[in-house]
Amino acid sequence: MLDAIDALHQRARQLAPLHRLAIISRVLLALAFIPTGMVKLLGQRFTLLPTTDPVGAFFEAMYQTGFYWNFLGLGQVAAGVLLLIPATTTVGAVCFFPVVLNITVVTWSIGFKGTTYITSLMLLASIFLLCWDWDRLRSILVAPPGRAPERVAPPSSLERAGYILGTTAGLGVVLALRSLVPGETVPWLLGVGVVAIAMVLVAWVRSFRRADSASRAQSNPPSR
């Protein structure tokens, strides 16, 4: 069973689109967690719904706990930041999973309409990241078999710059919606986000073209 999982994981790690999906999942989950965590960490209310509403009553009760509210925010911010640092992405995925699982159960339990589907998608993304790092987490259950080398080239400098720029712009926009950043910066941040997306798309096209050229070269070796 484990051999079959290992083989499936190795094949998945060789697919460039899944590499990009893992990076984008980390960025989107961080964008979802860091701003909302900052709201709690700074001691602000998460929603303005009245306490007569079950959702408003729940978050007001959480807010009134004081330090625990700040602690929840700290956990969310820490998990989001860890997901963005290449050396700590696995730790971030592990920290993120129980938090988002709890949030998903809470939103479904109190009937937080609309948000239930968002948190469910976040939970699926979190599970995907845990599966993506199966080779690192496997040693928790059994002895590691030795990590197979990845055949997919790492993202180019242009693609990495696009991810960093896009993440920064996205965080700025979400923080502005929470009144933690001046609202006047939103149009500029959106413009930066568009540039970042363009950078990533250009890098993808270049990467796919190089991979296609390399594949053709291997399938049609020069004759002597």
C-alpha atoms as a PDB file:
ATOM      1  CA  MET A   1       0.000   0.000   0.000  1.00  0.00           C
ATOM      2  CA  LEU A   2       2.734   2.449   0.980  1.00  0.00           C
ATOM      3  CA  ASP A   3       4.743   1.503  -2.113  1.00  0.00           C
ATOM      4  CA  ALA A   4       1.757   2.375  -4.307  1.00  0.00           C
ATOM      5  CA  ILE A   5       1.313   5.729  -2.531  1.00  0.00           C
ATOM      6  CA  ASP A   6       5.037   6.460  -2.905  1.00  0.00           C
ATOM      7  CA  ALA A   7       4.932   5.672  -6.617  1.00  0.00           C
ATOM      8  CA  LEU A   8       1.854   7.851  -7.148  1.00  0.00           C
ATOM      9  CA  HIS A   9       3.472  10.694  -5.215  1.00  0.00           C
ATOM     10  CA  GLN A  10       6.679  10.460  -7.247  1.00  0.00           C
ATOM     11  CA  ARG A  11       4.721  10.653 -10.501  1.00  0.00           C
ATOM     12  CA  ALA A  12       2.753  13.652  -9.209  1.00  0.00           C
ATOM     13  CA  ARG A  13       5.959  15.464  -8.210  1.00  0.00           C
ATOM     14  CA  GLN A  14       7.155  15.174 -11.814  1.00  0.00           C
ATOM     15  CA  LEU A  15       4.184  17.150 -13.171  1.00  0.00           C
ATOM     16  CA  ALA A  16       4.934  20.855 -13.607  1.00  0.00           C
ATOM     17  CA  PRO A  17       1.252  21.980 -13.370  1.00  0.00           C
ATOM     18  CA  LEU A  18       0.972  20.399  -9.926  1.00  0.00           C
ATOM     19  CA  HIS A  19       4.111  22.251  -8.825  1.00  0.00           C
ATOM     20  CA  ARG A  20       2.435  25.501  -9.826  1.00  0.00           C
ATOM     21  CA  LEU A  21      -0.804  24.442  -8.135  1.00  0.00           C
ATOM     22  CA  ALA A  22       1.095  23.829  -4.876  1.00  0.00           C
ATOM     23  CA  ILE A  23       2.686  27.283  -5.033  1.00  0.00           C
ATOM     24  CA  ILE A  24      -0.600  29.009  -5.842  1.00  0.00           C
ATOM     25  CA  SER A  25      -2.391  27.078  -3.075  1.00  0.00           C
ATOM     26  CA  ARG A  26       0.175  28.252  -0.520  1.00  0.00           C
ATOM     27  CA  VAL A  27      -0.187  31.856  -1.684  1.00  0.00           C
ATOM     28  CA  LEU A  28      -3.997  31.831  -1.635  1.00  0.00           C
ATOM     29  CA  LEU A  29      -4.173  30.167   1.779  1.00  0.00           C
ATOM     30  CA  ALA A  30      -1.700  32.689   3.168  1.00  0.00           C
ATOM     31  CA  LEU A  31      -3.784  35.523   1.697  1.00  0.00           C
ATOM     32  CA  ALA A  32      -6.839  34.075   3.423  1.00  0.00           C
ATOM     33  CA  PHE A  33      -5.183  33.617   6.813  1.00  0.00           C
ATOM     34  CA  ILE A  34      -2.745  36.484   7.350  1.00  0.00           C
ATOM     35  CA  PRO A  35      -5.190  39.441   7.027  1.00  0.00           C
ATOM     36  CA  THR A  36      -7.959  37.776   9.061  1.00  0.00           C
ATOM     37  CA  GLY A  37      -5.393  36.697  11.626  1.00  0.00           C
ATOM     38  CA  MET A  38      -4.102  40.276  11.852  1.00  0.00           C
ATOM     39  CA  VAL A  39      -7.621  41.447  12.702  1.00  0.00           C
ATOM     40  CA  LYS A  40      -7.722  39.097  15.686  1.00  0.00           C
ATOM     41  CA  LEU A  41      -4.102  39.736  16.647  1.00  0.00           C
ATOM     42  CA  LEU A  42      -4.760  43.481  16.783  1.00  0.00           C
ATOM     43  CA  GLY A  43      -7.824  42.929  18.964  1.00  0.00           C
ATOM     44  CA  GLN A  44     -10.462  43.951  16.417  1.00  0.00           C
ATOM     45  CA  ARG A  45     -13.876  42.393  15.794  1.00  0.00           C
ATOM     46  CA  PHE A  46     -14.124  39.992  12.882  1.00  0.00           C
ATOM     47  CA  THR A  47     -17.705  40.874  11.930  1.00  0.00           C
ATOM     48  CA  LEU A  48     -20.284  43.583  12.563  1.00  0.00           C
ATOM     49  CA  LEU A  49     -23.232  41.169  12.600  1.00  0.00           C
ATOM     50  CA  PRO A  50     -25.510  41.683  15.643  1.00  0.00           C
ATOM     51  CA  THR A  51     -25.486  39.218  18.508  1.00  0.00           C
ATOM     52  CA  THR A  52     -29.055  38.248  17.616  1.00  0.00           C
ATOM     53  CA  ASP A  53     -27.542  36.442  14.632  1.00  0.00           C
ATOM     54  CA  PRO A  54     -25.941  33.057  15.482  1.00  0.00           C
ATOM     55  CA  VAL A  55     -22.812  33.976  13.538  1.00  0.00           C
ATOM     56  CA  GLY A  56     -22.547  37.382  15.195  1.00  0.00           C
ATOM     57  CA  ALA A  57     -23.138  35.880  18.638  1.00  0.00           C
ATOM     58  CA  PHE A  58     -20.419  33.279  18.087  1.00  0.00           C
ATOM     59  CA  PHE A  59     -17.755  35.746  16.962  1.00  0.00           C
ATOM     60  CA  GLU A  60     -18.698  38.243  19.676  1.00  0.00           C
ATOM     61  CA  ALA A  61     -18.258  35.528  22.306  1.00  0.00           C
ATOM     62  CA  MET A  62     -14.849  34.669  20.820  1.00  0.00           C
ATOM     63  CA  TYR A  63     -13.916  38.355  20.746  1.00  0.00           C
ATOM     64  CA  GLN A  64     -14.826  38.805  24.396  1.00  0.00           C
ATOM     65  CA  THR A  65     -12.325  36.120  25.427  1.00  0.00           C
ATOM     66  CA  GLY A  66      -9.595  38.704  24.984  1.00  0.00           C
ATOM     67  CA  PHE A  67      -6.162  37.076  24.901  1.00  0.00           C
ATOM     68  CA  TYR A  68      -7.535  33.882  23.362  1.00  0.00           C
ATOM     69  CA  TRP A  69      -8.846  35.970  20.455  1.00  0.00           C
ATOM     70  CA  ASN A  70      -5.336  37.391  19.976  1.00  0.00           C
ATOM     71  CA  PHE A  71      -3.852  33.908  20.269  1.00  0.00           C
ATOM     72  CA  LEU A  72      -6.083  32.627  17.462  1.00  0.00           C
ATOM     73  CA  GLY A  73      -4.927  35.498  15.280  1.00  0.00           C
ATOM     74  CA  LEU A  74      -1.291  34.769  16.057  1.00  0.00           C
ATOM     75  CA  GLY A  75      -1.765  31.132  15.051  1.00  0.00           C
ATOM     76  CA  GLN A  76      -3.355  32.106  11.738  1.00  0.00           C
ATOM     77  CA  VAL A  77      -0.664  34.658  10.895  1.00  0.00           C
ATOM     78  CA  ALA A  78       2.124  32.226  11.820  1.00  0.00           C
ATOM     79  CA  ALA A  79       0.645  29.432   9.671  1.00  0.00           C
ATOM     80  CA  GLY A  80       0.221  31.807   6.727  1.00  0.00           C
ATOM     81  CA  VAL A  81       3.780  33.119   6.952  1.00  0.00           C
ATOM     82  CA  LEU A  82       5.232  29.615   7.240  1.00  0.00           C
ATOM     83  CA  LEU A  83       3.416  28.627   4.036  1.00  0.00           C
ATOM     84  CA  LEU A  84       5.141  31.450   2.156  1.00  0.00           C
ATOM     85  CA  ILE A  85       8.704  30.583   3.217  1.00  0.00           C
ATOM     86  CA  PRO A  86      10.125  27.805   0.987  1.00  0.00           C
ATOM     87  CA  ALA A  87      12.071  26.203   3.841  1.00  0.00           C
ATOM     88  CA  THR A  88       9.013  25.991   6.118  1.00  0.00           C
ATOM     89  CA  THR A  89       6.169  25.181   3.718  1.00  0.00           C
ATOM     90  CA  THR A  90       5.715  21.680   5.137  1.00  0.00           C
ATOM     91  CA  VAL A  91       5.566  22.987   8.707  1.00  0.00           C
ATOM     92  CA  GLY A  92       3.105  25.629   7.530  1.00  0.00           C
ATOM     93  CA  ALA A  93       0.891  22.994   5.887  1.00  0.00           C
ATOM     94  CA  VAL A  94       0.884  20.919   9.076  1.00  0.00           C
ATOM     95  CA  CYS A  95       0.043  23.967  11.228  1.00  0.00           C
ATOM     96  CA  PHE A  96      -2.580  25.178   8.773  1.00  0.00           C
ATOM     97  CA  PHE A  97      -4.573  21.948   8.551  1.00  0.00           C
ATOM     98  CA  PRO A  98      -6.018  21.700  12.110  1.00  0.00           C
ATOM     99  CA  VAL A  99      -6.843  25.412  12.136  1.00  0.00           C
ATOM    100  CA  VAL A 100      -8.705  25.385   8.825  1.00  0.00           C
ATOM    101  CA  LEU A 101     -10.406  22.091   9.737  1.00  0.00           C
ATOM    102  CA  ASN A 102     -11.730  23.712  12.908  1.00  0.00           C
ATOM    103  CA  ILE A 103     -12.850  26.809  10.986  1.00  0.00           C
ATOM    104  CA  THR A 104     -14.633  24.661   8.383  1.00  0.00           C
ATOM    105  CA  VAL A 105     -16.523  22.706  11.037  1.00  0.00           C
ATOM    106  CA  VAL A 106     -17.473  25.936  12.832  1.00  0.00           C
ATOM    107  CA  THR A 107     -18.786  27.654   9.691  1.00  0.00           C
ATOM    108  CA  TRP A 108     -20.929  24.641   8.791  1.00  0.00           C
ATOM    109  CA  SER A 109     -22.149  24.273  12.381  1.00  0.00           C
ATOM    110  CA  ILE A 110     -23.372  27.871  12.754  1.00  0.00           C
ATOM    111  CA  GLY A 111     -24.661  28.140   9.187  1.00  0.00           C
ATOM    112  CA  PHE A 112     -22.257  30.826   7.978  1.00  0.00           C
ATOM    113  CA  LYS A 113     -23.774  30.929   4.483  1.00  0.00           C
ATOM    114  CA  GLY A 114     -21.345  31.348   1.592  1.00  0.00           C
ATOM    115  CA  THR A 115     -18.320  31.122   3.855  1.00  0.00           C
ATOM    116  CA  THR A 116     -18.924  27.401   4.322  1.00  0.00           C
ATOM    117  CA  TYR A 117     -17.967  26.725   0.701  1.00  0.00           C
ATOM    118  CA  ILE A 118     -14.895  28.955   0.895  1.00  0.00           C
ATOM    119  CA  THR A 119     -13.615  27.241   4.028  1.00  0.00           C
ATOM    120  CA  SER A 120     -14.319  23.830   2.488  1.00  0.00           C
ATOM    121  CA  LEU A 121     -12.184  24.738  -0.543  1.00  0.00           C
ATOM    122  CA  MET A 122      -9.462  25.949   1.818  1.00  0.00           C
ATOM    123  CA  LEU A 123      -9.624  22.609   3.619  1.00  0.00           C
ATOM    124  CA  LEU A 124      -9.241  20.741   0.313  1.00  0.00           C
ATOM    125  CA  ALA A 125      -6.253  22.917  -0.589  1.00  0.00           C
ATOM    126  CA  SER A 126      -4.716  22.195   2.811  1.00  0.00           C
ATOM    127  CA  ILE A 127      -5.171  18.444   2.303  1.00  0.00           C
ATOM    128  CA  PHE A 128      -3.581  18.751  -1.142  1.00  0.00           C
ATOM    129  CA  LEU A 129      -0.509  20.446   0.368  1.00  0.00           C
ATOM    130  CA  LEU A 130      -0.171  17.678   2.954  1.00  0.00           C
ATOM    131  CA  CYS A 131      -0.345  15.098   0.169  1.00  0.00           C
ATOM    132  CA  TRP A 132       2.166  17.113  -1.856  1.00  0.00           C
ATOM    133  CA  ASP A 133       4.671  16.870   1.002  1.00  0.00           C
ATOM    134  CA  TRP A 134       3.953  13.174   1.601  1.00  0.00           C
ATOM    135  CA  ASP A 135       7.621  12.260   1.177  1.00  0.00           C
ATOM    136  CA  ARG A 136       8.518  14.543   4.082  1.00  0.00           C
ATOM    137  CA  LEU A 137       5.632  13.520   6.309  1.00  0.00           C
ATOM    138  CA  ARG A 138       5.989   9.795   5.552  1.00  0.00           C
ATOM    139  CA  SER A 139       8.801   9.372   8.069  1.00  0.00           C
ATOM    140  CA  ILE A 140       6.338  10.168  10.868  1.00  0.00           C
ATOM    141  CA  LEU A 141       4.600   6.849  10.127  1.00  0.00           C
ATOM    142  CA  VAL A 142       7.363   4.648   8.716  1.00  0.00           C
ATOM    143  CA  ALA A 143      11.041   4.796   7.868  1.00  0.00           C
ATOM    144  CA  PRO A 144      11.658   7.089   4.845  1.00  0.00           C
ATOM    145  CA  PRO A 145      12.541   5.262   1.622  1.00  0.00           C
ATOM    146  CA  GLY A 146      14.811   8.005   0.368  1.00  0.00           C
ATOM    147  CA  ARG A 147      13.477  10.959  -1.530  1.00  0.00           C
ATOM    148  CA  ALA A 148      13.375  10.593  -5.288  1.00  0.00           C
ATOM    149  CA  PRO A 149      14.924  13.459  -7.247  1.00  0.00           C
ATOM    150  CA  GLU A 150      12.452  15.876  -8.783  1.00  0.00           C
ATOM    151  CA  ARG A 151      12.638  16.108 -12.557  1.00  0.00           C
ATOM    152  CA  VAL A 152      10.732  19.367 -12.867  1.00  0.00           C
ATOM    153  CA  ALA A 153      12.904  22.460 -13.054  1.00  0.00           C
ATOM    154  CA  PRO A 154      12.305  24.972 -10.236  1.00  0.00           C
ATOM    155  CA  PRO A 155      10.432  28.198 -11.042  1.00  0.00           C
ATOM    156  CA  SER A 156      12.480  30.813 -12.880  1.00  0.00           C
ATOM    157  CA  SER A 157      13.506  34.127 -11.316  1.00  0.00           C
ATOM    158  CA  LEU A 158      10.727  35.863 -13.253  1.00  0.00           C
ATOM    159  CA  GLU A 159       8.098  33.436 -11.955  1.00  0.00           C
ATOM    160  CA  ARG A 160       9.337  33.735  -8.369  1.00  0.00           C
ATOM    161  CA  ALA A 161       9.311  37.513  -8.617  1.00  0.00           C
ATOM    162  CA  GLY A 162       5.742  37.341  -9.910  1.00  0.00           C
ATOM    163  CA  TYR A 163       4.648  35.198  -6.967  1.00  0.00           C
ATOM    164  CA  ILE A 164       6.306  37.529  -4.459  1.00  0.00           C
ATOM    165  CA  LEU A 165       4.910  40.655  -6.112  1.00  0.00           C
ATOM    166  CA  GLY A 166       1.423  39.156  -6.436  1.00  0.00           C
ATOM    167  CA  THR A 167       1.386  37.938  -2.847  1.00  0.00           C
ATOM    168  CA  THR A 168       2.462  41.341  -1.575  1.00  0.00           C
ATOM    169  CA  ALA A 169      -0.202  43.100  -3.647  1.00  0.00           C
ATOM    170  CA  GLY A 170      -2.890  40.624  -2.577  1.00  0.00           C
ATOM    171  CA  LEU A 171      -2.043  41.060   1.086  1.00  0.00           C
ATOM    172  CA  GLY A 172      -2.162  44.827   0.663  1.00  0.00           C
ATOM    173  CA  VAL A 173      -5.631  44.721  -0.926  1.00  0.00           C
ATOM    174  CA  VAL A 174      -7.100  42.407   1.713  1.00  0.00           C
ATOM    175  CA  LEU A 175      -5.545  44.455   4.524  1.00  0.00           C
ATOM    176  CA  ALA A 176      -6.990  47.596   2.948  1.00  0.00           C
ATOM    177  CA  LEU A 177     -10.446  46.002   2.991  1.00  0.00           C
ATOM    178  CA  ARG A 178      -9.888  45.494   6.727  1.00  0.00           C
ATOM    179  CA  SER A 179      -8.859  49.164   7.091  1.00  0.00           C
ATOM    180  CA  LEU A 180      -5.348  48.099   8.101  1.00  0.00           C
ATOM    181  CA  VAL A 181      -3.846  49.761   5.009  1.00  0.00           C
ATOM    182  CA  PRO A 182      -4.965  53.090   3.427  1.00  0.00           C
ATOM    183  CA  GLY A 183      -7.753  52.472   0.923  1.00  0.00           C
ATOM    184  CA  GLU A 184      -6.149  54.837  -1.585  1.00  0.00           C
ATOM    185  CA  THR A 185      -3.492  52.235  -2.272  1.00  0.00           C
ATOM    186  CA  VAL A 186      -5.968  49.639  -3.601  1.00  0.00           C
ATOM    187  CA  PRO A 187      -5.920  50.783  -7.287  1.00  0.00           C
ATOM    188  CA  TRP A 188      -2.121  50.778  -7.274  1.00  0.00           C
ATOM    189  CA  LEU A 189      -2.014  47.383  -5.593  1.00  0.00           C
ATOM    190  CA  LEU A 190      -4.445  45.963  -8.148  1.00  0.00           C
ATOM    191  CA  GLY A 191      -2.210  47.265 -10.905  1.00  0.00           C
ATOM    192  CA  VAL A 192       0.787  45.600  -9.291  1.00  0.00           C
ATOM    193  CA  GLY A 193      -1.239  42.386  -9.046  1.00  0.00           C
ATOM    194  CA  VAL A 194      -2.005  42.482 -12.781  1.00  0.00           C
ATOM    195  CA  VAL A 195       1.692  42.956 -13.549  1.00  0.00           C
ATOM    196  CA  ALA A 196       2.531  40.035 -11.244  1.00  0.00           C
ATOM    197  CA  ILE A 197       0.018  37.763 -13.000  1.00  0.00           C
ATOM    198  CA  ALA A 198       1.482  38.746 -16.367  1.00  0.00           C
ATOM    199  CA  MET A 199       4.998  37.927 -15.119  1.00  0.00           C
ATOM    200  CA  VAL A 200       3.910  34.486 -13.937  1.00  0.00           C
ATOM    201  CA  LEU A 201       2.051  33.713 -17.186  1.00  0.00           C
ATOM    202  CA  VAL A 202       5.063  34.732 -19.294  1.00  0.00           C
ATOM    203  CA  ALA A 203       7.298  32.541 -17.124  1.00  0.00           C
ATOM    204  CA  TRP A 204       4.879  29.619 -17.518  1.00  0.00           C
ATOM    205  CA  VAL A 205       4.856  29.933 -21.305  1.00  0.00           C
ATOM    206  CA  ARG A 206       8.668  30.033 -21.399  1.00  0.00           C
ATOM    207  CA  SER A 207       8.894  27.035 -19.074  1.00  0.00           C
ATOM    208  CA  PHE A 208       6.445  24.955 -21.091  1.00  0.00           C
ATOM    209  CA  ARG A 209       8.242  25.829 -24.323  1.00  0.00           C
ATOM    210  CA  ARG A 210      11.596  24.775 -22.867  1.00  0.00           C
ATOM    211  CA  ALA A 211      10.082  21.527 -21.576  1.00  0.00           C
ATOM    212  CA  ASP A 212       8.516  20.838 -24.985  1.00  0.00           C
ATOM    213  CA  SER A 213      11.812  21.518 -26.760  1.00  0.00           C
ATOM    214  CA  ALA A 214      13.674  19.231 -24.367  1.00  0.00           C
ATOM    215  CA  SER A 215      11.075  16.482 -24.856  1.00  0.00           C
ATOM    216  CA  ARG A 216      11.378  16.719 -28.648  1.00  0.00           C
ATOM    217  CA  ALA A 217      15.159  16.642 -28.431  1.00  0.00           C
ATOM    218  CA  GLN A 218      15.007  13.429 -26.382  1.00  0.00           C
ATOM    219  CA  SER A 219      12.503  11.740 -28.690  1.00  0.00           C
ATOM    220  CA  ASN A 220      14.421  12.781 -31.847  1.00  0.00           C
ATOM    221  CA  PRO A 221      18.146  12.481 -31.068  1.00  0.00           C
ATOM    222  CA  PRO A 222      20.470  13.859 -33.769  1.00  0.00           C
ATOM    223  CA  SER A 223      21.697  11.215 -36.192  1.00  0.00           C
ATOM    224  CA  ARG A 224      25.386  10.603 -36.606  1.00  0.00           C
END
